[in-house]
Amino acid sequence: MRKFPITIMVVFILIAFFLQILALLKVFPFVLSAPIMFVSIFTFIYYLNDRKRFRGF
């Protein structure tokens, strides 16, 4: 069950990377592809670092 969100995020990163490549080829606007790439990588890293922590009593 935990692998499902990670799979979705990896697919989202791959789509963002494809859009970034298209933006470098001037097929897709770079202004839109750069934030999409940033948000996809940021959410992936945030999800991986968000763990259950013991905060004390």
N, C-alpha and C. Protein backbone atom coordinates (compact mmCIF):
# COMPACT_ATOMS: atom_id res chain seq x y z
N MET A 1 0.82 -1.19 0.00
CA MET A 1 0.00 0.00 0.00
C MET A 1 0.86 1.26 0.00
N ARG A 2 2.03 1.18 0.64
CA ARG A 2 2.89 2.36 0.71
C ARG A 2 3.56 2.65 -0.63
N LYS A 3 3.70 1.65 -1.47
CA LYS A 3 4.38 1.84 -2.75
C LYS A 3 3.50 2.56 -3.77
N PHE A 4 2.20 2.58 -3.56
CA PHE A 4 1.30 3.20 -4.54
C PHE A 4 1.55 4.70 -4.68
N PRO A 5 1.63 5.50 -3.60
CA PRO A 5 1.91 6.93 -3.76
C PRO A 5 3.30 7.19 -4.36
N ILE A 6 4.27 6.37 -4.01
CA ILE A 6 5.61 6.56 -4.56
C ILE A 6 5.59 6.31 -6.07
N THR A 7 4.85 5.31 -6.49
CA THR A 7 4.74 5.02 -7.92
C THR A 7 4.10 6.19 -8.67
N ILE A 8 3.05 6.75 -8.09
CA ILE A 8 2.38 7.90 -8.71
C ILE A 8 3.34 9.08 -8.80
N MET A 9 4.12 9.31 -7.75
CA MET A 9 5.05 10.44 -7.76
C MET A 9 6.17 10.24 -8.77
N VAL A 10 6.65 9.03 -8.92
CA VAL A 10 7.70 8.76 -9.91
C VAL A 10 7.15 8.97 -11.32
N VAL A 11 5.92 8.56 -11.56
CA VAL A 11 5.30 8.79 -12.87
C VAL A 11 5.14 10.29 -13.10
N PHE A 12 4.75 11.03 -12.08
CA PHE A 12 4.60 12.49 -12.18
C PHE A 12 5.95 13.14 -12.49
N ILE A 13 7.03 12.65 -11.89
CA ILE A 13 8.36 13.20 -12.17
C ILE A 13 8.76 12.90 -13.61
N LEU A 14 8.46 11.70 -14.10
CA LEU A 14 8.78 11.36 -15.48
C LEU A 14 8.01 12.22 -16.48
N ILE A 15 6.75 12.48 -16.18
CA ILE A 15 5.96 13.36 -17.05
C ILE A 15 6.53 14.78 -17.01
N ALA A 16 6.91 15.25 -15.83
CA ALA A 16 7.49 16.59 -15.71
C ALA A 16 8.82 16.67 -16.45
N PHE A 17 9.60 15.60 -16.39
CA PHE A 17 10.88 15.57 -17.12
C PHE A 17 10.64 15.62 -18.63
N PHE A 18 9.64 14.89 -19.10
CA PHE A 18 9.30 14.92 -20.52
C PHE A 18 8.87 16.32 -20.94
N LEU A 19 8.07 16.98 -20.11
CA LEU A 19 7.66 18.35 -20.41
C LEU A 19 8.85 19.31 -20.40
N GLN A 20 9.80 19.06 -19.52
CA GLN A 20 11.00 19.88 -19.46
C GLN A 20 11.83 19.72 -20.74
N ILE A 21 11.94 18.50 -21.22
CA ILE A 21 12.65 18.26 -22.49
C ILE A 21 11.94 18.96 -23.64
N LEU A 22 10.62 18.89 -23.66
CA LEU A 22 9.87 19.59 -24.70
C LEU A 22 10.06 21.10 -24.59
N ALA A 23 10.17 21.61 -23.38
CA ALA A 23 10.40 23.04 -23.20
C ALA A 23 11.78 23.45 -23.71
N LEU A 24 12.77 22.58 -23.51
CA LEU A 24 14.09 22.89 -24.03
C LEU A 24 14.12 22.85 -25.56
N LEU A 25 13.24 22.07 -26.15
CA LEU A 25 13.11 22.04 -27.60
C LEU A 25 12.18 23.13 -28.13
N LYS A 26 11.66 23.95 -27.22
CA LYS A 26 10.76 25.08 -27.53
C LYS A 26 9.44 24.61 -28.14
N VAL A 27 8.95 23.47 -27.66
CA VAL A 27 7.65 22.95 -28.07
C VAL A 27 6.61 23.27 -27.00
N PHE A 28 7.05 23.33 -25.77
CA PHE A 28 6.19 23.59 -24.61
C PHE A 28 6.77 24.79 -23.87
N PRO A 29 5.94 25.64 -23.26
CA PRO A 29 6.48 26.81 -22.57
C PRO A 29 7.35 26.45 -21.37
N PHE A 30 8.51 27.03 -21.32
CA PHE A 30 9.44 26.77 -20.22
C PHE A 30 8.92 27.32 -18.90
N VAL A 31 8.15 28.39 -18.97
CA VAL A 31 7.60 29.01 -17.76
C VAL A 31 6.65 28.06 -17.04
N LEU A 32 6.00 27.19 -17.77
CA LEU A 32 5.11 26.21 -17.15
C LEU A 32 5.83 24.93 -16.75
N SER A 33 6.80 24.52 -17.53
CA SER A 33 7.45 23.24 -17.25
C SER A 33 8.39 23.30 -16.05
N ALA A 34 9.05 24.43 -15.83
CA ALA A 34 9.98 24.53 -14.70
C ALA A 34 9.27 24.41 -13.35
N PRO A 35 8.17 25.14 -13.11
CA PRO A 35 7.48 24.94 -11.82
C PRO A 35 6.89 23.54 -11.65
N ILE A 36 6.43 22.94 -12.73
CA ILE A 36 5.90 21.58 -12.64
C ILE A 36 6.99 20.62 -12.22
N MET A 37 8.17 20.78 -12.80
CA MET A 37 9.30 19.92 -12.44
C MET A 37 9.70 20.14 -10.98
N PHE A 38 9.75 21.40 -10.55
CA PHE A 38 10.10 21.71 -9.17
C PHE A 38 9.11 21.12 -8.19
N VAL A 39 7.84 21.28 -8.46
CA VAL A 39 6.79 20.78 -7.55
C VAL A 39 6.83 19.26 -7.49
N SER A 40 7.04 18.61 -8.60
CA SER A 40 7.06 17.15 -8.60
C SER A 40 8.24 16.61 -7.79
N ILE A 41 9.41 17.19 -7.96
CA ILE A 41 10.58 16.73 -7.19
C ILE A 41 10.42 17.09 -5.72
N PHE A 42 9.90 18.28 -5.44
CA PHE A 42 9.72 18.71 -4.06
C PHE A 42 8.74 17.81 -3.31
N THR A 43 7.61 17.47 -3.93
CA THR A 43 6.64 16.61 -3.24
C THR A 43 7.20 15.21 -3.02
N PHE A 44 7.98 14.71 -3.98
CA PHE A 44 8.58 13.39 -3.82
C PHE A 44 9.56 13.36 -2.65
N ILE A 45 10.43 14.36 -2.58
CA ILE A 45 11.41 14.42 -1.49
C ILE A 45 10.71 14.66 -0.15
N TYR A 46 9.69 15.51 -0.13
CA TYR A 46 8.95 15.78 1.10
C TYR A 46 8.25 14.51 1.59
N TYR A 47 7.68 13.74 0.67
CA TYR A 47 7.00 12.51 1.06
C TYR A 47 7.97 11.49 1.61
N LEU A 48 9.15 11.40 1.02
CA LEU A 48 10.13 10.43 1.51
C LEU A 48 10.69 10.82 2.88
N ASN A 49 10.80 12.11 3.16
CA ASN A 49 11.35 12.56 4.43
C ASN A 49 10.30 12.67 5.53
N ASP A 50 9.04 12.64 5.17
CA ASP A 50 7.96 12.76 6.15
C ASP A 50 7.73 11.40 6.79
N ARG A 51 8.32 11.20 7.94
CA ARG A 51 8.18 9.91 8.62
C ARG A 51 7.58 10.11 10.00
N LYS A 52 7.09 9.08 10.54
CA LYS A 52 6.52 9.14 11.88
C LYS A 52 7.65 9.29 12.89
N ARG A 53 7.60 10.34 13.65
CA ARG A 53 8.66 10.61 14.61
C ARG A 53 8.08 10.60 16.02
N PHE A 54 8.87 10.09 16.92
CA PHE A 54 8.47 10.10 18.32
C PHE A 54 8.78 11.50 18.88
N ARG A 55 7.74 12.18 19.37
CA ARG A 55 7.91 13.56 19.81
C ARG A 55 7.95 13.68 21.33
N GLY A 56 7.99 12.59 22.01
CA GLY A 56 8.07 12.64 23.47
C GLY A 56 6.74 12.43 24.13
N PHE A 57 6.78 12.50 25.42
CA PHE A 57 5.56 12.26 26.20
C PHE A 57 4.90 13.56 26.58
